[in-house]
């Protein structure tokens, strides 16, 4: 209430009221006293509250999107909402996500985490696409790294490591395919030895993939002939080393030895037989000696001895006869 003499001036001022601000200053805020009561009215409205800042961060506090600012009058309500961020999901919604404006700055912080990425399937196949082992599945958050490794499969070796063996999870399914081939088998050593195990030639080595076939062949060695071919001259490569041994014997100068037993089918050029006509002896005819192209039959040896005996007797008689005739 202001008091004063008529026609004396008065001057009013708006009060400072916490949380409020003058909206309308009246025209008669200043004037003169009169003989009539006067009213000066200041109209107020709520003051503007301090801004509310809304942030969107990951678990390490890194901002994932531009912060927003909410404004309003003091005591007026505010309501914030989380942003939709690709590959992210809200992990924590703050308690002050909704509230009222005050004369103090406020911050609303939404904490996000990576959303689950689509699974990564890891396959292990041969060159024809046949699965050699059970496939594996890798899981993780989007944009989080994944790392796959080839399985150790007995008898197989990795032929192709895929370009996406390592990568990051995405919102799309991924497949990592390791392609295998047969592993190398242990070597097969091929030896060439005599009956005493002495090596006659440098050994050879056969190499190949597991379960594939091999075939060893004997060498032609001058002066030697093969006497034994091993059962494992042909086979398949395995994880164990194998040895194939060809055994040889010294070859004779004359490989076909003469048979001491007479044979009706084998000619013997070194032997001769004498044929005599026993039924009609004729001393006037010379004795004919022919070479026999056939070996004597069994039992002919005795007959031959008798014939030689007779011939000898004939020569003796002829000698005696010649001497007697000469003396007479």
C-alpha atoms as a PDB file:
ATOM      1  CA  UNK A   1       0.000   0.000   0.000  1.00  0.00           C
ATOM      2  CA  UNK A   2       1.400   3.342  -1.031  1.00  0.00           C
ATOM      3  CA  UNK A   3       0.358   6.578   0.755  1.00  0.00           C
ATOM      4  CA  UNK A   4       0.921  10.250  -0.084  1.00  0.00           C
ATOM      5  CA  UNK A   5      -0.535  13.686  -0.520  1.00  0.00           C
ATOM      6  CA  UNK A   6      -3.033  14.371  -3.287  1.00  0.00           C
ATOM      7  CA  UNK A   7      -1.178  15.087  -6.501  1.00  0.00           C
ATOM      8  CA  UNK A   8       2.027  13.753  -4.999  1.00  0.00           C
ATOM      9  CA  UNK A   9       3.624  11.099  -7.277  1.00  0.00           C
ATOM     10  CA  UNK A  10       3.845   7.435  -6.447  1.00  0.00           C
ATOM     11  CA  UNK A  11       5.970   4.722  -8.016  1.00  0.00           C
ATOM     12  CA  UNK A  12       5.421   0.997  -7.657  1.00  0.00           C
ATOM     13  CA  UNK A  13       7.785  -1.890  -8.479  1.00  0.00           C
ATOM     14  CA  UNK A  14       7.143  -5.538  -9.135  1.00  0.00           C
ATOM     15  CA  UNK A  15       8.194  -7.902  -6.442  1.00  0.00           C
ATOM     16  CA  UNK A  16      10.722 -10.606  -7.133  1.00  0.00           C
ATOM     17  CA  UNK A  17       8.917 -13.869  -6.531  1.00  0.00           C
ATOM     18  CA  UNK A  18      10.799 -17.121  -6.718  1.00  0.00           C
ATOM     19  CA  UNK A  19       9.588 -19.198  -9.606  1.00  0.00           C
ATOM     20  CA  UNK A  20       7.618 -16.400 -11.099  1.00  0.00           C
ATOM     21  CA  UNK A  21       8.199 -13.658 -13.572  1.00  0.00           C
ATOM     22  CA  UNK A  22       6.237 -10.484 -14.337  1.00  0.00           C
ATOM     23  CA  UNK A  23       4.063 -11.101 -17.296  1.00  0.00           C
ATOM     24  CA  UNK A  24       2.229  -7.734 -17.314  1.00  0.00           C
ATOM     25  CA  UNK A  25       3.326  -4.424 -15.824  1.00  0.00           C
ATOM     26  CA  UNK A  26       0.225  -2.211 -15.280  1.00  0.00           C
ATOM     27  CA  UNK A  27      -0.144   1.221 -16.919  1.00  0.00           C
ATOM     28  CA  UNK A  28      -0.641   2.837 -13.515  1.00  0.00           C
ATOM     29  CA  UNK A  29       2.488   1.310 -12.057  1.00  0.00           C
ATOM     30  CA  UNK A  30       3.514   4.973 -11.639  1.00  0.00           C
ATOM     31  CA  UNK A  31       1.100   7.894 -11.069  1.00  0.00           C
ATOM     32  CA  UNK A  32      -0.203  10.503  -8.505  1.00  0.00           C
ATOM     33  CA  UNK A  33      -2.263  10.158  -5.478  1.00  0.00           C
ATOM     34  CA  UNK A  34      -5.882  11.253  -5.827  1.00  0.00           C
ATOM     35  CA  UNK A  35      -8.873  11.383  -3.529  1.00  0.00           C
ATOM     36  CA  UNK A  36      -9.921   7.931  -4.909  1.00  0.00           C
ATOM     37  CA  UNK A  37      -8.422   4.559  -4.084  1.00  0.00           C
ATOM     38  CA  UNK A  38      -6.213   3.110  -6.801  1.00  0.00           C
ATOM     39  CA  UNK A  39      -4.986  -0.403  -7.436  1.00  0.00           C
ATOM     40  CA  UNK A  40      -1.831  -1.270  -9.266  1.00  0.00           C
ATOM     41  CA  UNK A  41      -1.793  -4.910 -10.335  1.00  0.00           C
ATOM     42  CA  UNK A  42       1.295  -6.827 -11.540  1.00  0.00           C
ATOM     43  CA  UNK A  43       0.384  -9.994 -13.330  1.00  0.00           C
ATOM     44  CA  UNK A  44       2.907 -12.860 -13.026  1.00  0.00           C
ATOM     45  CA  UNK A  45       3.490 -16.132 -14.804  1.00  0.00           C
ATOM     46  CA  UNK A  46       5.670 -19.074 -13.943  1.00  0.00           C
ATOM     47  CA  UNK A  47       9.305 -18.429 -14.630  1.00  0.00           C
ATOM     48  CA  UNK A  48      11.174 -20.566 -17.183  1.00  0.00           C
ATOM     49  CA  UNK A  49      12.739 -23.551 -15.595  1.00  0.00           C
ATOM     50  CA  UNK A  50      16.369 -24.547 -16.085  1.00  0.00           C
ATOM     51  CA  UNK A  51      16.805 -26.748 -19.183  1.00  0.00           C
ATOM     52  CA  UNK A  52      16.647 -30.527 -18.981  1.00  0.00           C
ATOM     53  CA  UNK A  53      19.402 -32.220 -21.054  1.00  0.00           C
ATOM     54  CA  UNK A  54      18.716 -35.721 -22.381  1.00  0.00           C
ATOM     55  CA  UNK A  55      21.778 -37.848 -23.221  1.00  0.00           C
ATOM     56  CA  UNK A  56      22.193 -41.191 -24.990  1.00  0.00           C
ATOM     57  CA  UNK A  57      25.373 -43.048 -24.076  1.00  0.00           C
ATOM     58  CA  UNK A  58      26.904 -46.504 -24.044  1.00  0.00           C
ATOM     59  CA  UNK A  59      28.107 -48.281 -20.933  1.00  0.00           C
ATOM     60  CA  UNK A  60      31.401 -46.438 -21.082  1.00  0.00           C
ATOM     61  CA  UNK A  61      29.708 -43.040 -21.240  1.00  0.00           C
ATOM     62  CA  UNK A  62      30.386 -42.506 -24.932  1.00  0.00           C
ATOM     63  CA  UNK A  63      27.647 -40.467 -26.579  1.00  0.00           C
ATOM     64  CA  UNK A  64      25.803 -42.461 -29.227  1.00  0.00           C
ATOM     65  CA  UNK A  65      23.625 -39.612 -30.494  1.00  0.00           C
ATOM     66  CA  UNK A  66      23.297 -35.853 -30.133  1.00  0.00           C
ATOM     67  CA  UNK A  67      21.862 -34.827 -26.774  1.00  0.00           C
ATOM     68  CA  UNK A  68      18.426 -33.190 -26.672  1.00  0.00           C
ATOM     69  CA  UNK A  69      17.302 -30.196 -24.559  1.00  0.00           C
ATOM     70  CA  UNK A  70      13.862 -29.835 -22.963  1.00  0.00           C
ATOM     71  CA  UNK A  71      12.546 -26.433 -21.862  1.00  0.00           C
ATOM     72  CA  UNK A  72       9.521 -25.413 -19.815  1.00  0.00           C
ATOM     73  CA  UNK A  73       8.188 -23.290 -17.050  1.00  0.00           C
ATOM     74  CA  UNK A  74       9.150 -24.041 -13.491  1.00  0.00           C
ATOM     75  CA  UNK A  75       6.999 -26.768 -12.032  1.00  0.00           C
ATOM     76  CA  UNK A  76       5.718 -27.656 -15.476  1.00  0.00           C
ATOM     77  CA  UNK A  77       6.124 -31.361 -16.219  1.00  0.00           C
ATOM     78  CA  UNK A  78       8.570 -32.735 -18.746  1.00  0.00           C
ATOM     79  CA  UNK A  79       8.804 -36.194 -20.288  1.00  0.00           C
ATOM     80  CA  UNK A  80      11.812 -37.613 -22.117  1.00  0.00           C
ATOM     81  CA  UNK A  81      11.989 -40.663 -24.399  1.00  0.00           C
ATOM     82  CA  UNK A  82      14.853 -42.886 -25.469  1.00  0.00           C
ATOM     83  CA  UNK A  83      16.014 -42.610 -29.038  1.00  0.00           C
ATOM     84  CA  UNK A  84      15.911 -45.596 -31.375  1.00  0.00           C
ATOM     85  CA  UNK A  85      19.536 -46.297 -32.293  1.00  0.00           C
ATOM     86  CA  UNK A  86      20.406 -48.941 -34.861  1.00  0.00           C
ATOM     87  CA  UNK A  87      22.269 -51.822 -33.273  1.00  0.00           C
ATOM     88  CA  UNK A  88      21.621 -50.572 -29.765  1.00  0.00           C
ATOM     89  CA  UNK A  89      19.052 -51.276 -27.091  1.00  0.00           C
ATOM     90  CA  UNK A  90      18.300 -49.326 -23.897  1.00  0.00           C
ATOM     91  CA  UNK A  91      19.967 -51.003 -20.975  1.00  0.00           C
ATOM     92  CA  UNK A  92      19.049 -48.449 -18.302  1.00  0.00           C
ATOM     93  CA  UNK A  93      16.128 -46.021 -18.238  1.00  0.00           C
ATOM     94  CA  UNK A  94      16.889 -43.203 -15.717  1.00  0.00           C
ATOM     95  CA  UNK A  95      14.617 -42.432 -12.782  1.00  0.00           C
ATOM     96  CA  UNK A  96      14.260 -38.804 -13.919  1.00  0.00           C
ATOM     97  CA  UNK A  97      13.130 -39.737 -17.396  1.00  0.00           C
ATOM     98  CA  UNK A  98       9.972 -37.796 -16.412  1.00  0.00           C
ATOM     99  CA  UNK A  99       9.736 -34.919 -13.936  1.00  0.00           C
ATOM    100  CA  UNK A 100       9.136 -31.168 -13.595  1.00  0.00           C
ATOM    101  CA  UNK A 101      11.205 -28.216 -14.533  1.00  0.00           C
ATOM    102  CA  UNK A 102      12.983 -26.451 -11.731  1.00  0.00           C
ATOM    103  CA  UNK A 103      15.314 -23.536 -11.500  1.00  0.00           C
ATOM    104  CA  UNK A 104      18.218 -26.016 -11.540  1.00  0.00           C
ATOM    105  CA  UNK A 105      19.700 -27.703 -14.600  1.00  0.00           C
ATOM    106  CA  UNK A 106      18.807 -31.359 -14.913  1.00  0.00           C
ATOM    107  CA  UNK A 107      20.301 -34.229 -16.997  1.00  0.00           C
ATOM    108  CA  UNK A 108      18.463 -37.341 -18.096  1.00  0.00           C
ATOM    109  CA  UNK A 109      20.848 -40.107 -19.256  1.00  0.00           C
ATOM    110  CA  UNK A 110      19.799 -43.189 -21.210  1.00  0.00           C
ATOM    111  CA  UNK A 111      22.411 -45.960 -21.146  1.00  0.00           C
ATOM    112  CA  UNK A 112      22.508 -48.310 -24.133  1.00  0.00           C
ATOM    113  CA  UNK A 113      24.071 -51.670 -24.850  1.00  0.00           C
ATOM    114  CA  UNK A 114      24.674 -53.451 -28.109  1.00  0.00           C
ATOM    115  CA  UNK A 115      21.762 -55.538 -29.307  1.00  0.00           C
ATOM    116  CA  UNK A 116      22.356 -59.219 -30.019  1.00  0.00           C
ATOM    117  CA  UNK A 117      23.709 -59.789 -33.492  1.00  0.00           C
ATOM    118  CA  UNK A 118      22.485 -62.532 -35.783  1.00  0.00           C
ATOM    119  CA  UNK A 119      24.350 -65.815 -35.163  1.00  0.00           C
ATOM    120  CA  UNK A 120      27.496 -66.747 -37.085  1.00  0.00           C
ATOM    121  CA  UNK A 121      27.519 -70.418 -38.203  1.00  0.00           C
ATOM    122  CA  UNK A 122      30.921 -72.079 -38.633  1.00  0.00           C
ATOM    123  CA  UNK A 123      31.021 -75.107 -40.962  1.00  0.00           C
ATOM    124  CA  UNK A 124      33.722 -77.708 -41.675  1.00  0.00           C
ATOM    125  CA  UNK A 125      33.339 -79.404 -45.081  1.00  0.00           C
ATOM    126  CA  UNK A 126      35.298 -81.313 -47.729  1.00  0.00           C
ATOM    127  CA  UNK A 127      35.729 -80.194 -51.328  1.00  0.00           C
ATOM    128  CA  UNK A 128      32.293 -81.571 -52.215  1.00  0.00           C
ATOM    129  CA  UNK A 129      30.558 -79.704 -49.393  1.00  0.00           C
ATOM    130  CA  UNK A 130      30.102 -82.777 -47.178  1.00  0.00           C
ATOM    131  CA  UNK A 131      30.208 -81.878 -43.500  1.00  0.00           C
ATOM    132  CA  UNK A 132      33.174 -83.442 -41.695  1.00  0.00           C
ATOM    133  CA  UNK A 133      32.233 -82.261 -38.198  1.00  0.00           C
ATOM    134  CA  UNK A 134      29.305 -80.683 -36.364  1.00  0.00           C
ATOM    135  CA  UNK A 135      28.990 -76.988 -37.174  1.00  0.00           C
ATOM    136  CA  UNK A 136      29.440 -74.387 -34.430  1.00  0.00           C
ATOM    137  CA  UNK A 137      27.438 -71.237 -33.676  1.00  0.00           C
ATOM    138  CA  UNK A 138      28.964 -67.973 -32.477  1.00  0.00           C
ATOM    139  CA  UNK A 139      26.834 -65.338 -30.716  1.00  0.00           C
ATOM    140  CA  UNK A 140      27.536 -61.761 -29.735  1.00  0.00           C
ATOM    141  CA  UNK A 141      26.374 -58.166 -29.770  1.00  0.00           C
ATOM    142  CA  UNK A 142      26.118 -56.244 -33.027  1.00  0.00           C
ATOM    143  CA  UNK A 143      29.463 -54.739 -34.064  1.00  0.00           C
ATOM    144  CA  UNK A 144      31.222 -56.823 -31.442  1.00  0.00           C
ATOM    145  CA  UNK A 145      34.106 -58.822 -32.981  1.00  0.00           C
ATOM    146  CA  UNK A 146      33.980 -62.579 -33.497  1.00  0.00           C
ATOM    147  CA  UNK A 147      36.841 -64.953 -34.216  1.00  0.00           C
ATOM    148  CA  UNK A 148      36.474 -68.474 -35.566  1.00  0.00           C
ATOM    149  CA  UNK A 149      39.057 -71.258 -35.690  1.00  0.00           C
ATOM    150  CA  UNK A 150      39.333 -74.382 -37.819  1.00  0.00           C
ATOM    151  CA  UNK A 151      38.694 -77.683 -36.079  1.00  0.00           C
ATOM    152  CA  UNK A 152      41.350 -80.357 -35.889  1.00  0.00           C
ATOM    153  CA  UNK A 153      39.867 -83.321 -37.789  1.00  0.00           C
ATOM    154  CA  UNK A 154      41.801 -86.583 -37.912  1.00  0.00           C
ATOM    155  CA  UNK A 155      42.981 -87.373 -41.424  1.00  0.00           C
ATOM    156  CA  UNK A 156      42.084 -83.961 -42.810  1.00  0.00           C
ATOM    157  CA  UNK A 157      43.909 -80.655 -43.297  1.00  0.00           C
ATOM    158  CA  UNK A 158      42.470 -77.176 -43.950  1.00  0.00           C
ATOM    159  CA  UNK A 159      42.642 -76.361 -47.654  1.00  0.00           C
ATOM    160  CA  UNK A 160      40.806 -73.019 -47.603  1.00  0.00           C
ATOM    161  CA  UNK A 161      40.412 -70.547 -44.740  1.00  0.00           C
ATOM    162  CA  UNK A 162      37.454 -68.227 -45.484  1.00  0.00           C
ATOM    163  CA  UNK A 163      37.892 -64.463 -45.717  1.00  0.00           C
ATOM    164  CA  UNK A 164      35.247 -63.988 -43.005  1.00  0.00           C
ATOM    165  CA  UNK A 165      36.959 -66.291 -40.500  1.00  0.00           C
ATOM    166  CA  UNK A 166      37.158 -63.158 -38.330  1.00  0.00           C
ATOM    167  CA  UNK A 167      34.693 -60.286 -38.405  1.00  0.00           C
ATOM    168  CA  UNK A 168      31.931 -58.523 -36.485  1.00  0.00           C
ATOM    169  CA  UNK A 169      28.387 -59.512 -35.651  1.00  0.00           C
ATOM    170  CA  UNK A 170      25.674 -57.829 -37.690  1.00  0.00           C
ATOM    171  CA  UNK A 171      21.903 -58.009 -37.826  1.00  0.00           C
ATOM    172  CA  UNK A 172      22.181 -60.557 -40.681  1.00  0.00           C
ATOM    173  CA  UNK A 173      23.072 -64.250 -40.410  1.00  0.00           C
ATOM    174  CA  UNK A 174      26.621 -65.124 -41.457  1.00  0.00           C
ATOM    175  CA  UNK A 175      28.280 -68.429 -42.379  1.00  0.00           C
ATOM    176  CA  UNK A 176      31.985 -69.177 -42.073  1.00  0.00           C
ATOM    177  CA  UNK A 177      33.021 -72.254 -44.085  1.00  0.00           C
ATOM    178  CA  UNK A 178      36.338 -74.044 -43.668  1.00  0.00           C
ATOM    179  CA  UNK A 179      37.138 -76.359 -46.597  1.00  0.00           C
ATOM    180  CA  UNK A 180      39.315 -79.413 -45.891  1.00  0.00           C
ATOM    181  CA  UNK A 181      41.289 -81.868 -48.007  1.00  0.00           C
ATOM    182  CA  UNK A 182      42.774 -85.234 -47.118  1.00  0.00           C
ATOM    183  CA  UNK A 183      45.912 -84.862 -45.028  1.00  0.00           C
ATOM    184  CA  UNK A 184      49.247 -86.144 -46.326  1.00  0.00           C
ATOM    185  CA  UNK A 185      49.837 -89.763 -45.493  1.00  0.00           C
ATOM    186  CA  UNK A 186      53.077 -91.038 -44.011  1.00  0.00           C
ATOM    187  CA  UNK A 187      55.636 -91.899 -46.725  1.00  0.00           C
ATOM    188  CA  UNK A 188      55.984 -95.385 -48.186  1.00  0.00           C
ATOM    189  CA  UNK A 189      59.631 -96.459 -48.569  1.00  0.00           C
ATOM    190  CA  UNK A 190      60.384 -98.956 -51.345  1.00  0.00           C
ATOM    191  CA  UNK A 191      63.550-101.041 -50.839  1.00  0.00           C
ATOM    192  CA  UNK A 192      65.447-103.413 -53.124  1.00  0.00           C
ATOM    193  CA  UNK A 193      67.548-105.955 -51.202  1.00  0.00           C
ATOM    194  CA  UNK A 194      69.214-109.347 -51.492  1.00  0.00           C
ATOM    195  CA  UNK A 195      68.433-112.337 -49.316  1.00  0.00           C
ATOM    196  CA  UNK A 196      70.655-110.969 -46.552  1.00  0.00           C
ATOM    197  CA  UNK A 197      68.940-107.608 -46.521  1.00  0.00           C
ATOM    198  CA  UNK A 198      71.742-105.744 -48.313  1.00  0.00           C
ATOM    199  CA  UNK A 199      70.451-102.851 -50.373  1.00  0.00           C
ATOM    200  CA  UNK A 200      70.993-103.305 -54.112  1.00  0.00           C
ATOM    201  CA  UNK A 201      69.662 -99.904 -55.192  1.00  0.00           C
ATOM    202  CA  UNK A 202      68.714 -96.583 -53.687  1.00  0.00           C
ATOM    203  CA  UNK A 203      65.313 -96.820 -51.955  1.00  0.00           C
ATOM    204  CA  UNK A 204      62.407 -94.873 -53.428  1.00  0.00           C
ATOM    205  CA  UNK A 205      59.806 -92.882 -51.506  1.00  0.00           C
ATOM    206  CA  UNK A 206      56.121 -92.731 -52.408  1.00  0.00           C
ATOM    207  CA  UNK A 207      53.956 -89.886 -51.124  1.00  0.00           C
ATOM    208  CA  UNK A 208      50.230 -89.263 -51.208  1.00  0.00           C
ATOM    209  CA  UNK A 209      47.111 -88.237 -49.334  1.00  0.00           C
ATOM    210  CA  UNK A 210      45.652 -90.409 -46.598  1.00  0.00           C
ATOM    211  CA  UNK A 211      43.500 -93.276 -47.851  1.00  0.00           C
ATOM    212  CA  UNK A 212      44.621 -92.802 -51.459  1.00  0.00           C
ATOM    213  CA  UNK A 213      46.200 -95.821 -53.157  1.00  0.00           C
ATOM    214  CA  UNK A 214      49.843 -96.429 -54.012  1.00  0.00           C
ATOM    215  CA  UNK A 215      51.521 -99.057 -56.192  1.00  0.00           C
ATOM    216  CA  UNK A 216      55.199 -99.960 -55.863  1.00  0.00           C
ATOM    217  CA  UNK A 217      57.045-101.695 -58.695  1.00  0.00           C
ATOM    218  CA  UNK A 218      60.240-103.730 -58.651  1.00  0.00           C
ATOM    219  CA  UNK A 219      63.331-102.359 -60.365  1.00  0.00           C
ATOM    220  CA  UNK A 220      65.176-104.212 -63.114  1.00  0.00           C
ATOM    221  CA  UNK A 221      68.629-104.819 -61.636  1.00  0.00           C
ATOM    222  CA  UNK A 222      71.375-106.173 -63.899  1.00  0.00           C
ATOM    223  CA  UNK A 223      72.589-109.558 -62.679  1.00  0.00           C
ATOM    224  CA  UNK A 224      69.738-109.980 -60.242  1.00  0.00           C
ATOM    225  CA  UNK A 225      66.350-111.562 -60.457  1.00  0.00           C
ATOM    226  CA  UNK A 226      63.309-110.859 -58.288  1.00  0.00           C
ATOM    227  CA  UNK A 227      62.510-113.662 -55.870  1.00  0.00           C
ATOM    228  CA  UNK A 228      59.869-112.130 -53.624  1.00  0.00           C
ATOM    229  CA  UNK A 229      57.184-109.512 -54.174  1.00  0.00           C
ATOM    230  CA  UNK A 230      55.793-108.231 -50.835  1.00  0.00           C
ATOM    231  CA  UNK A 231      52.090-108.381 -50.061  1.00  0.00           C
ATOM    232  CA  UNK A 232      52.048-104.621 -49.481  1.00  0.00           C
ATOM    233  CA  UNK A 233      53.429-103.758 -52.927  1.00  0.00           C
ATOM    234  CA  UNK A 234      50.044-102.094 -53.417  1.00  0.00           C
ATOM    235  CA  UNK A 235      48.001-100.456 -50.686  1.00  0.00           C
ATOM    236  CA  UNK A 236      46.844 -97.117 -49.331  1.00  0.00           C
ATOM    237  CA  UNK A 237      48.641 -94.329 -47.533  1.00  0.00           C
ATOM    238  CA  UNK A 238      48.046 -94.244 -43.775  1.00  0.00           C
ATOM    239  CA  UNK A 239      49.175 -92.200 -40.812  1.00  0.00           C
ATOM    240  CA  UNK A 240      51.987 -94.695 -40.218  1.00  0.00           C
ATOM    241  CA  UNK A 241      55.152 -95.001 -42.283  1.00  0.00           C
ATOM    242  CA  UNK A 242      55.276 -98.166 -44.425  1.00  0.00           C
ATOM    243  CA  UNK A 243      58.093-100.108 -46.057  1.00  0.00           C
ATOM    244  CA  UNK A 244      57.773-102.228 -49.207  1.00  0.00           C
ATOM    245  CA  UNK A 245      60.722-104.609 -49.686  1.00  0.00           C
ATOM    246  CA  UNK A 246      61.518-106.376 -52.964  1.00  0.00           C
ATOM    247  CA  UNK A 247      63.937-109.295 -52.478  1.00  0.00           C
ATOM    248  CA  UNK A 248      66.367-110.346 -55.230  1.00  0.00           C
ATOM    249  CA  UNK A 249      68.742-113.290 -55.835  1.00  0.00           C
ATOM    250  CA  UNK A 250      71.993-113.371 -57.807  1.00  0.00           C
ATOM    251  CA  UNK A 251      71.362-114.488 -61.369  1.00  0.00           C
ATOM    252  CA  UNK A 252      73.521-117.430 -62.641  1.00  0.00           C
ATOM    253  CA  UNK A 253      75.638-117.020 -65.846  1.00  0.00           C
ATOM    254  CA  UNK A 254      73.767-120.015 -67.418  1.00  0.00           C
ATOM    255  CA  UNK A 255      70.354-119.801 -65.864  1.00  0.00           C
ATOM    256  CA  UNK A 256      69.284-123.195 -67.438  1.00  0.00           C
ATOM    257  CA  UNK A 257      71.340-125.962 -65.811  1.00  0.00           C
ATOM    258  CA  UNK A 258      71.737-129.373 -67.543  1.00  0.00           C
ATOM    259  CA  UNK A 259      69.568-132.046 -66.094  1.00  0.00           C
ATOM    260  CA  UNK A 260      71.629-135.127 -65.138  1.00  0.00           C
ATOM    261  CA  UNK A 261      68.605-137.389 -65.405  1.00  0.00           C
ATOM    262  CA  UNK A 262      68.127-138.649 -68.995  1.00  0.00           C
ATOM    263  CA  UNK A 263      64.980-137.401 -70.623  1.00  0.00           C
ATOM    264  CA  UNK A 264      63.161-138.674 -73.692  1.00  0.00           C
ATOM    265  CA  UNK A 265      62.375-135.116 -74.722  1.00  0.00           C
ATOM    266  CA  UNK A 266      65.789-133.454 -74.303  1.00  0.00           C
ATOM    267  CA  UNK A 267      68.436-133.975 -77.002  1.00  0.00           C
ATOM    268  CA  UNK A 268      72.060-134.474 -75.945  1.00  0.00           C
ATOM    269  CA  UNK A 269      74.486-133.598 -78.671  1.00  0.00           C
ATOM    270  CA  UNK A 270      77.524-134.789 -76.666  1.00  0.00           C
ATOM    271  CA  UNK A 271      76.534-138.479 -76.574  1.00  0.00           C
ATOM    272  CA  UNK A 272      76.609-141.048 -79.364  1.00  0.00           C
ATOM    273  CA  UNK A 273      75.147-144.485 -79.760  1.00  0.00           C
ATOM    274  CA  UNK A 274      76.111-147.346 -82.042  1.00  0.00           C
ATOM    275  CA  UNK A 275      73.544-149.374 -83.929  1.00  0.00           C
ATOM    276  CA  UNK A 276      74.434-152.926 -85.060  1.00  0.00           C
ATOM    277  CA  UNK A 277      72.251-155.324 -86.956  1.00  0.00           C
ATOM    278  CA  UNK A 278      72.213-158.172 -84.440  1.00  0.00           C
ATOM    279  CA  UNK A 279      69.910-160.460 -86.396  1.00  0.00           C
ATOM    280  CA  UNK A 280      72.066-160.678 -89.527  1.00  0.00           C
ATOM    281  CA  UNK A 281      75.741-160.177 -88.708  1.00  0.00           C
ATOM    282  CA  UNK A 282      77.768-159.410 -91.794  1.00  0.00           C
ATOM    283  CA  UNK A 283      81.496-159.012 -91.324  1.00  0.00           C
ATOM    284  CA  UNK A 284      81.904-157.934 -94.895  1.00  0.00           C
ATOM    285  CA  UNK A 285      80.025-154.735 -94.265  1.00  0.00           C
ATOM    286  CA  UNK A 286      81.623-151.985 -92.264  1.00  0.00           C
ATOM    287  CA  UNK A 287      80.190-151.195 -88.894  1.00  0.00           C
ATOM    288  CA  UNK A 288      78.021-148.123 -89.079  1.00  0.00           C
ATOM    289  CA  UNK A 289      78.299-145.597 -86.289  1.00  0.00           C
ATOM    290  CA  UNK A 290      75.540-143.047 -86.162  1.00  0.00           C
ATOM    291  CA  UNK A 291      75.031-140.106 -83.916  1.00  0.00           C
ATOM    292  CA  UNK A 292      71.818-140.431 -82.000  1.00  0.00           C
ATOM    293  CA  UNK A 293      69.865-137.327 -81.622  1.00  0.00           C
ATOM    294  CA  UNK A 294      67.823-138.744 -78.796  1.00  0.00           C
ATOM    295  CA  UNK A 295      68.963-139.607 -75.305  1.00  0.00           C
ATOM    296  CA  UNK A 296      68.937-143.321 -74.427  1.00  0.00           C
ATOM    297  CA  UNK A 297      65.861-144.654 -72.872  1.00  0.00           C
ATOM    298  CA  UNK A 298      65.818-145.903 -69.354  1.00  0.00           C
ATOM    299  CA  UNK A 299      67.658-149.316 -69.232  1.00  0.00           C
ATOM    300  CA  UNK A 300      69.622-148.725 -72.437  1.00  0.00           C
ATOM    301  CA  UNK A 301      72.904-148.206 -70.522  1.00  0.00           C
ATOM    302  CA  UNK A 302      73.238-151.956 -69.923  1.00  0.00           C
ATOM    303  CA  UNK A 303      72.565-152.758 -73.589  1.00  0.00           C
ATOM    304  CA  UNK A 304      75.165-150.213 -74.626  1.00  0.00           C
ATOM    305  CA  UNK A 305      77.832-151.894 -72.428  1.00  0.00           C
ATOM    306  CA  UNK A 306      77.136-155.285 -74.079  1.00  0.00           C
ATOM    307  CA  UNK A 307      77.414-153.789 -77.553  1.00  0.00           C
ATOM    308  CA  UNK A 308      80.754-152.146 -76.770  1.00  0.00           C
ATOM    309  CA  UNK A 309      81.961-155.487 -75.370  1.00  0.00           C
ATOM    310  CA  UNK A 310      81.032-157.314 -78.604  1.00  0.00           C
ATOM    311  CA  UNK A 311      82.699-154.700 -80.753  1.00  0.00           C
ATOM    312  CA  UNK A 312      85.847-154.965 -78.681  1.00  0.00           C
ATOM    313  CA  UNK A 313      85.876-158.765 -79.097  1.00  0.00           C
ATOM    314  CA  UNK A 314      85.480-158.399 -82.838  1.00  0.00           C
ATOM    315  CA  UNK A 315      88.463-156.081 -83.037  1.00  0.00           C
ATOM    316  CA  UNK A 316      90.579-158.531 -80.983  1.00  0.00           C
ATOM    317  CA  UNK A 317      89.621-161.474 -83.241  1.00  0.00           C
ATOM    318  CA  UNK A 318      90.381-159.408 -86.321  1.00  0.00           C
ATOM    319  CA  UNK A 319      93.792-158.560 -84.882  1.00  0.00           C
ATOM    320  CA  UNK A 320      94.613-162.216 -84.163  1.00  0.00           C
ATOM    321  CA  UNK A 321      93.468-163.210 -87.608  1.00  0.00           C
ATOM    322  CA  UNK A 322      95.664-160.561 -89.220  1.00  0.00           C
ATOM    323  CA  UNK A 323      98.750-161.601 -87.250  1.00  0.00           C
ATOM    324  CA  UNK A 324      98.214-165.334 -88.007  1.00  0.00           C
ATOM    325  CA  UNK A 325      97.865-164.686 -91.708  1.00  0.00           C
ATOM    326  CA  UNK A 326     101.002-162.553 -91.778  1.00  0.00           C
ATOM    327  CA  UNK A 327     103.069-165.250 -89.995  1.00  0.00           C
ATOM    328  CA  UNK A 328     101.870-167.940 -92.369  1.00  0.00           C
END
